[in-house]
């Protein structure tokens, strides 16, 4: 058979945004009781993040509503991933994009936005964490002075609506219901938007929201944290896209545990994931031993770890902040090995175990 005899170009895309979605699932671990821990790998979206899903939805909605005119100007305060998503959609659709950022963001995220033609406006960095409040203030000033469109990911309902496709992908690819969904909260869009659509589709999923220790989203005391892309610092007003009624359980994870999980996953799978994904994986690995037999647990991996080679995966950077804990790495490796051993033991006849 000549594979070239009937050429078809239907699967060839003409825009990067057409590559959004249909991201893969990877089994990270399973137990002898038949429970499985799966990773929804959002780094396989253009821009290497889930946030491009909602960036596209926010801009398309603004066009439909007449809030964004041809050749317009978009402004958004961002820690990076929303900004890279908006930069992509802006360049495809002919808009100017200004990202209001601080030096708490990943260097590589900032470079990517610049590479795609975005203008970066820096606010003074807060050494205790992201300058979320200052970024919003400066964005507001730019909008007032220029008349630019501010999508405002924390308050824009199209943020959450941008993840309807993610929910459908999960149910389609798993082929059954999902028992547990674990993910960072941040603006609320990824986790709450996905959970809301899962419920609409008939799922009985239990959702577990994960935040950096020091974030105020679950009502705890504010504190310093180095995880980027999630969390809300002191003085920040949490927006309505964080729908607490859609989060069955809210947990906080220390930087050291989040980064340890990301690094151990890299060593065991060859896949690099971001720090907030590491936090969610940390929670999921601890919970996997406690769930009902044959449960399906999915972690939303929001972005790629290659953006954090200078931080999460840099021993010197971690040591400077007292975040490198080799015994913690060994303990997590041992947990992976224990799950593998539980599978072996489950396959051994009882008479053999007691012989």
Protein backbone atom coordinates (compact mmCIF):
# COMPACT_ATOMS: atom_id res chain seq x y z
CA UNK A 1 0.00 0.00 0.00
CA UNK A 2 1.30 3.44 -0.93
CA UNK A 3 0.70 5.66 2.11
CA UNK A 4 1.10 8.72 -0.12
CA UNK A 5 -1.52 7.71 -2.70
CA UNK A 6 -4.37 9.65 -1.09
CA UNK A 7 -2.92 12.71 0.68
CA UNK A 8 -5.10 14.50 3.23
CA UNK A 9 -4.31 17.71 5.08
CA UNK A 10 -7.25 17.62 7.49
CA UNK A 11 -5.07 17.04 10.55
CA UNK A 12 -2.61 19.81 9.73
CA UNK A 13 -3.22 22.95 11.78
CA UNK A 14 -2.70 26.50 10.56
CA UNK A 15 -2.62 28.30 13.95
CA UNK A 16 -0.90 27.45 17.21
CA UNK A 17 -4.17 27.98 19.11
CA UNK A 18 -5.69 25.08 17.16
CA UNK A 19 -3.31 22.82 19.12
CA UNK A 20 -4.98 23.68 22.44
CA UNK A 21 -6.51 20.70 24.23
CA UNK A 22 -6.44 16.92 23.87
CA UNK A 23 -3.54 16.78 26.31
CA UNK A 24 -2.41 13.31 27.41
CA UNK A 25 -2.93 11.34 30.60
CA UNK A 26 0.02 9.54 32.18
CA UNK A 27 -0.23 6.93 34.93
CA UNK A 28 2.20 8.00 37.63
CA UNK A 29 1.44 5.26 40.14
CA UNK A 30 -1.00 2.52 41.05
CA UNK A 31 -1.63 0.35 44.09
CA UNK A 32 -2.20 -3.32 44.77
CA UNK A 33 -5.86 -2.47 45.47
CA UNK A 34 -6.25 -1.29 41.87
CA UNK A 35 -6.28 2.45 42.49
CA UNK A 36 -4.56 4.59 39.86
CA UNK A 37 -2.94 8.02 39.99
CA UNK A 38 -3.04 9.76 36.63
CA UNK A 39 -1.48 13.06 35.53
CA UNK A 40 -3.34 15.31 33.09
CA UNK A 41 -0.31 16.84 31.38
CA UNK A 42 -1.28 20.39 30.50
CA UNK A 43 2.26 21.29 29.46
CA UNK A 44 1.44 19.76 26.07
CA UNK A 45 -0.73 22.76 25.26
CA UNK A 46 0.84 25.61 23.26
CA UNK A 47 2.76 27.85 25.69
CA UNK A 48 3.28 24.81 27.94
CA UNK A 49 0.38 25.54 30.28
CA UNK A 50 -3.32 24.99 30.90
CA UNK A 51 -3.84 28.77 31.09
CA UNK A 52 -3.90 29.14 27.31
CA UNK A 53 -7.32 27.43 27.40
CA UNK A 54 -8.88 30.22 29.41
CA UNK A 55 -6.85 32.97 27.74
CA UNK A 56 -8.48 32.05 24.44
CA UNK A 57 -11.95 31.87 25.99
CA UNK A 58 -11.62 35.28 27.69
CA UNK A 59 -10.56 36.98 24.46
CA UNK A 60 -13.20 35.31 22.30
CA UNK A 61 -15.88 36.27 24.84
CA UNK A 62 -14.64 39.87 24.87
CA UNK A 63 -14.88 39.97 21.08
CA UNK A 64 -18.41 38.59 21.13
CA UNK A 65 -19.46 41.14 23.77
CA UNK A 66 -17.88 44.06 21.93
CA UNK A 67 -15.43 44.77 24.75
CA UNK A 68 -12.43 44.19 22.47
CA UNK A 69 -12.25 45.85 19.07
CA UNK A 70 -9.97 44.98 16.12
CA UNK A 71 -6.43 46.20 16.77
CA UNK A 72 -7.18 46.70 20.45
CA UNK A 73 -4.93 46.66 23.50
CA UNK A 74 -5.03 43.95 26.22
CA UNK A 75 -3.58 44.45 29.71
CA UNK A 76 -3.31 41.75 32.39
CA UNK A 77 -1.34 41.39 35.65
CA UNK A 78 0.18 37.92 35.59
CA UNK A 79 2.75 35.63 37.13
CA UNK A 80 3.46 34.22 33.69
CA UNK A 81 1.27 31.41 32.41
CA UNK A 82 -1.86 33.48 31.81
CA UNK A 83 0.40 36.07 30.23
CA UNK A 84 1.96 33.62 27.78
CA UNK A 85 -1.51 32.39 26.84
CA UNK A 86 -2.76 35.94 26.25
CA UNK A 87 0.40 36.77 24.31
CA UNK A 88 -0.30 33.89 21.93
CA UNK A 89 -3.95 34.75 21.37
CA UNK A 90 -3.12 38.46 21.03
CA UNK A 91 -0.52 37.93 18.33
CA UNK A 92 -2.80 35.59 16.38
CA UNK A 93 -5.74 38.01 16.51
CA UNK A 94 -3.86 41.26 16.02
CA UNK A 95 -3.88 42.83 19.49
CA UNK A 96 -1.24 44.62 21.49
CA UNK A 97 -0.61 42.89 24.82
CA UNK A 98 0.90 44.39 27.99
CA UNK A 99 1.71 42.08 30.90
CA UNK A 100 2.13 43.60 34.36
CA UNK A 101 4.68 41.41 36.12
CA UNK A 102 7.14 41.24 39.01
CA UNK A 103 10.46 39.53 39.61
CA UNK A 104 8.82 36.73 41.58
CA UNK A 105 7.78 35.22 38.24
CA UNK A 106 9.86 32.61 36.44
CA UNK A 107 12.52 34.24 34.25
CA UNK A 108 11.65 31.92 31.39
CA UNK A 109 7.95 32.84 31.47
CA UNK A 110 8.89 36.49 31.15
CA UNK A 111 11.25 35.73 28.28
CA UNK A 112 8.56 33.75 26.46
CA UNK A 113 6.10 36.64 26.65
CA UNK A 114 8.74 39.00 25.27
CA UNK A 115 9.60 36.52 22.51
CA UNK A 116 5.95 36.63 21.41
CA UNK A 117 5.95 40.42 21.29
CA UNK A 118 4.37 41.26 24.64
CA UNK A 119 5.29 44.45 26.49
CA UNK A 120 6.33 43.82 30.10
CA UNK A 121 5.67 46.40 32.80
CA UNK A 122 7.45 45.56 36.08
CA UNK A 123 6.23 46.47 39.54
CA UNK A 124 8.48 46.52 42.57
CA UNK A 125 9.03 42.96 43.75
CA UNK A 126 7.87 41.85 47.16
CA UNK A 127 10.57 39.71 48.75
CA UNK A 128 7.90 37.89 50.76
CA UNK A 129 6.10 36.61 47.67
CA UNK A 130 4.32 37.75 44.50
CA UNK A 131 3.30 41.40 44.28
CA UNK A 132 -0.26 40.53 43.32
CA UNK A 133 -1.86 43.63 44.82
CA UNK A 134 0.69 45.98 43.24
CA UNK A 135 0.33 44.31 39.84
CA UNK A 136 -3.43 44.85 39.91
CA UNK A 137 -3.02 48.47 40.90
CA UNK A 138 -0.64 49.18 38.02
CA UNK A 139 -2.85 47.32 35.54
CA UNK A 140 -5.77 49.48 36.61
CA UNK A 141 -3.71 52.62 36.08
CA UNK A 142 -2.74 51.54 32.55
CA UNK A 143 -6.36 50.72 31.69
CA UNK A 144 -7.51 54.11 32.98
CA UNK A 145 -4.86 55.95 30.98
CA UNK A 146 -5.17 54.02 27.71
CA UNK A 147 -8.67 52.51 27.61
CA UNK A 148 -7.16 49.04 27.17
CA UNK A 149 -9.19 45.89 27.81
CA UNK A 150 -8.40 44.10 31.09
CA UNK A 151 -9.62 40.47 31.00
CA UNK A 152 -9.07 40.22 34.79
CA UNK A 153 -8.65 36.47 35.19
CA UNK A 154 -9.66 36.53 38.86
CA UNK A 155 -13.10 37.98 38.09
CA UNK A 156 -13.80 36.93 34.50
CA UNK A 157 -16.30 34.01 34.32
CA UNK A 158 -14.83 33.03 30.95
CA UNK A 159 -11.72 31.91 32.87
CA UNK A 160 -13.65 29.02 34.42
CA UNK A 161 -15.63 28.38 31.23
CA UNK A 162 -12.38 27.86 29.36
CA UNK A 163 -11.92 24.47 31.04
CA UNK A 164 -15.13 22.80 29.87
CA UNK A 165 -13.15 20.99 27.21
CA UNK A 166 -10.68 19.70 29.79
CA UNK A 167 -13.51 18.02 31.71
CA UNK A 168 -14.82 16.34 28.58
CA UNK A 169 -11.33 15.10 27.69
CA UNK A 170 -10.93 13.52 31.12
CA UNK A 171 -14.16 11.54 30.97
CA UNK A 172 -13.55 10.55 27.36
CA UNK A 173 -10.01 9.30 27.97
CA UNK A 174 -10.64 7.55 31.29
CA UNK A 175 -13.79 5.91 29.95
CA UNK A 176 -15.53 6.02 33.32
CA UNK A 177 -16.08 8.46 36.16
CA UNK A 178 -13.20 10.10 38.01
CA UNK A 179 -13.23 9.59 41.76
CA UNK A 180 -10.78 12.31 42.81
CA UNK A 181 -9.51 15.42 41.04
CA UNK A 182 -6.53 17.20 42.62
CA UNK A 183 -5.22 20.55 41.49
CA UNK A 184 -3.92 23.97 42.41
CA UNK A 185 -6.57 26.64 42.99
CA UNK A 186 -4.95 29.97 42.08
CA UNK A 187 -7.55 32.08 40.26
CA UNK A 188 -10.01 29.22 40.62
CA UNK A 189 -10.47 28.74 36.90
CA UNK A 190 -8.69 25.46 36.26
CA UNK A 191 -9.99 23.42 39.19
CA UNK A 192 -13.42 25.01 39.68
CA UNK A 193 -14.12 25.29 35.96
CA UNK A 194 -13.23 21.65 35.39
CA UNK A 195 -15.20 20.43 38.40
CA UNK A 196 -18.27 22.44 37.41
CA UNK A 197 -18.32 20.91 33.94
CA UNK A 198 -17.67 17.41 35.34
CA UNK A 199 -20.73 17.83 37.56
CA UNK A 200 -22.78 19.02 34.59
CA UNK A 201 -21.74 15.90 32.71
CA UNK A 202 -22.91 13.69 35.59
CA UNK A 203 -19.62 13.04 37.39
CA UNK A 204 -19.57 12.41 41.16
CA UNK A 205 -15.94 13.50 41.46
CA UNK A 206 -14.46 14.59 44.79
CA UNK A 207 -12.30 17.66 44.31
CA UNK A 208 -9.19 18.48 46.34
CA UNK A 209 -7.84 22.01 46.03
CA UNK A 210 -4.17 22.62 46.79
CA UNK A 211 -2.52 25.94 47.67
CA UNK A 212 0.93 27.00 48.87
CA UNK A 213 1.30 27.24 52.63
CA UNK A 214 1.08 30.99 53.20
CA UNK A 215 -1.74 31.55 50.72
CA UNK A 216 -4.92 33.04 52.19
CA UNK A 217 -7.37 31.32 49.81
CA UNK A 218 -8.46 28.76 52.42
CA UNK A 219 -8.46 31.32 55.21
CA UNK A 220 -5.07 30.57 56.75
CA UNK A 221 -2.52 33.11 57.95
CA UNK A 222 -0.55 34.78 55.15
CA UNK A 223 3.11 33.88 54.76
CA UNK A 224 6.04 33.70 52.39
CA UNK A 225 6.00 31.12 49.58
CA UNK A 226 7.98 30.49 46.40
CA UNK A 227 5.44 28.51 44.38
CA UNK A 228 4.29 30.64 41.43
CA UNK A 229 1.01 30.48 39.54
CA UNK A 230 -1.10 29.75 42.61
CA UNK A 231 -1.65 31.32 45.99
CA UNK A 232 -3.00 34.65 47.23
CA UNK A 233 -0.85 36.85 49.48
CA UNK A 234 -1.83 39.14 52.35
CA UNK A 235 -4.06 42.01 51.29
CA UNK A 236 -5.39 40.28 48.20
CA UNK A 237 -9.16 39.96 47.70
CA UNK A 238 -9.96 36.47 46.43
CA UNK A 239 -12.18 36.70 43.35
CA UNK A 240 -15.47 34.87 42.67
CA UNK A 241 -13.82 32.42 40.27
CA UNK A 242 -12.68 30.57 43.40
CA UNK A 243 -15.98 28.79 43.96
CA UNK A 244 -15.51 27.20 47.37
CA UNK A 245 -18.68 25.12 47.01
CA UNK A 246 -16.94 23.25 44.16
CA UNK A 247 -13.88 22.42 46.29
CA UNK A 248 -14.64 19.48 48.58
CA UNK A 249 -11.35 19.71 50.45
CA UNK A 250 -8.74 22.45 50.61
CA UNK A 251 -5.14 21.71 51.61
CA UNK A 252 -1.94 23.72 51.78
CA UNK A 253 1.51 22.37 50.91
CA UNK A 254 4.90 23.75 51.94
CA UNK A 255 7.34 24.76 49.22
CA UNK A 256 9.80 22.10 50.28
CA UNK A 257 7.23 19.31 49.75
CA UNK A 258 5.98 20.76 46.47
CA UNK A 259 9.45 21.08 45.00
CA UNK A 260 10.56 17.69 46.30
CA UNK A 261 7.64 16.01 44.53
CA UNK A 262 8.38 17.80 41.26
CA UNK A 263 12.03 16.74 41.42
CA UNK A 264 11.29 13.11 42.28
CA UNK A 265 8.77 12.89 39.42
CA UNK A 266 11.45 14.19 37.07
CA UNK A 267 13.94 11.56 38.22
CA UNK A 268 11.40 8.72 37.92
CA UNK A 269 9.58 9.65 34.71
CA UNK A 270 11.78 12.09 32.80
CA UNK A 271 8.92 14.60 32.80
CA UNK A 272 9.44 18.00 34.39
CA UNK A 273 6.43 19.60 36.05
CA UNK A 274 5.98 22.95 37.76
CA UNK A 275 6.03 23.63 41.49
CA UNK A 276 2.26 23.90 41.95
CA UNK A 277 1.87 20.61 40.11
CA UNK A 278 4.43 19.19 42.53
CA UNK A 279 2.24 20.33 45.43
CA UNK A 280 -0.81 18.59 43.95
CA UNK A 281 1.20 15.43 43.26
CA UNK A 282 2.49 15.47 46.85
CA UNK A 283 -1.10 15.49 48.13
CA UNK A 284 -2.23 12.81 45.68
CA UNK A 285 0.61 10.41 46.47
CA UNK A 286 -0.12 10.65 50.20
CA UNK A 287 -3.85 10.16 49.61
CA UNK A 288 -3.56 7.26 47.14
CA UNK A 289 -3.00 4.68 49.90
CA UNK A 290 -6.16 5.79 51.71
CA UNK A 291 -8.76 5.89 48.93
CA UNK A 292 -11.28 3.16 48.13
CA UNK A 293 -9.95 0.22 46.05
CA UNK A 294 -9.97 0.78 42.29
CA UNK A 295 -10.28 4.54 42.66
CA UNK A 296 -9.21 6.81 39.84
CA UNK A 297 -7.38 9.93 40.99
CA UNK A 298 -6.32 12.61 38.51
CA UNK A 299 -3.87 15.44 39.16
CA UNK A 300 -4.13 18.53 36.98
CA UNK A 301 -0.54 19.29 35.99
CA UNK A 302 -0.83 22.94 35.08
CA UNK A 303 2.50 23.64 33.43
CA UNK A 304 5.91 22.42 32.40
CA UNK A 305 8.91 22.20 34.70
CA UNK A 306 11.31 23.47 32.05
CA UNK A 307 10.19 26.97 33.10
CA UNK A 308 11.72 26.39 36.54
CA UNK A 309 15.21 25.11 35.73
CA UNK A 310 16.63 28.15 37.54
CA UNK A 311 14.55 27.54 40.66
CA UNK A 312 12.74 24.27 41.44
CA UNK A 313 15.38 22.18 39.65
CA UNK A 314 18.39 24.25 40.73
CA UNK A 315 20.13 22.95 43.86
CA UNK A 316 21.89 26.25 44.55
CA UNK A 317 18.62 28.23 44.36
CA UNK A 318 16.93 25.76 46.72
CA UNK A 319 19.84 25.72 49.16
CA UNK A 320 19.85 29.52 49.36
CA UNK A 321 16.24 29.33 50.55
CA UNK A 322 16.68 26.18 52.68
CA UNK A 323 14.30 24.26 50.43
CA UNK A 324 16.48 21.33 49.40
CA UNK A 325 15.73 18.30 51.57
CA UNK A 326 17.44 15.11 50.38
CA UNK A 327 15.81 12.90 53.09
CA UNK A 328 12.41 14.11 51.81
CA UNK A 329 13.42 12.99 48.33
CA UNK A 330 14.29 9.54 49.67
CA UNK A 331 11.01 9.26 51.59
CA UNK A 332 8.98 10.07 48.50
CA UNK A 333 10.99 7.58 46.45
CA UNK A 334 10.23 4.98 49.10
CA UNK A 335 6.52 5.74 48.82
CA UNK A 336 6.65 5.11 45.07
CA UNK A 337 8.48 1.85 45.73
CA UNK A 338 5.91 0.84 48.36
CA UNK A 339 3.12 1.21 45.82
CA UNK A 340 5.05 -0.95 43.36
CA UNK A 341 5.57 -3.56 46.07
CA UNK A 342 1.85 -3.50 46.90
CA UNK A 343 1.10 -4.52 43.31
CA UNK A 344 3.55 -7.42 43.55
CA UNK A 345 2.07 -8.60 46.83
CA UNK A 346 -1.47 -8.38 45.46
CA UNK A 347 -0.51 -10.81 42.69
CA UNK A 348 0.99 -13.41 45.07
CA UNK A 349 -1.41 -16.18 46.21
CA UNK A 350 -2.10 -16.01 49.98
CA UNK A 351 -0.74 -19.52 50.51
CA UNK A 352 2.60 -18.42 49.08
CA UNK A 353 2.80 -15.42 51.41
CA UNK A 354 2.44 -17.61 54.50
CA UNK A 355 4.50 -20.56 53.30
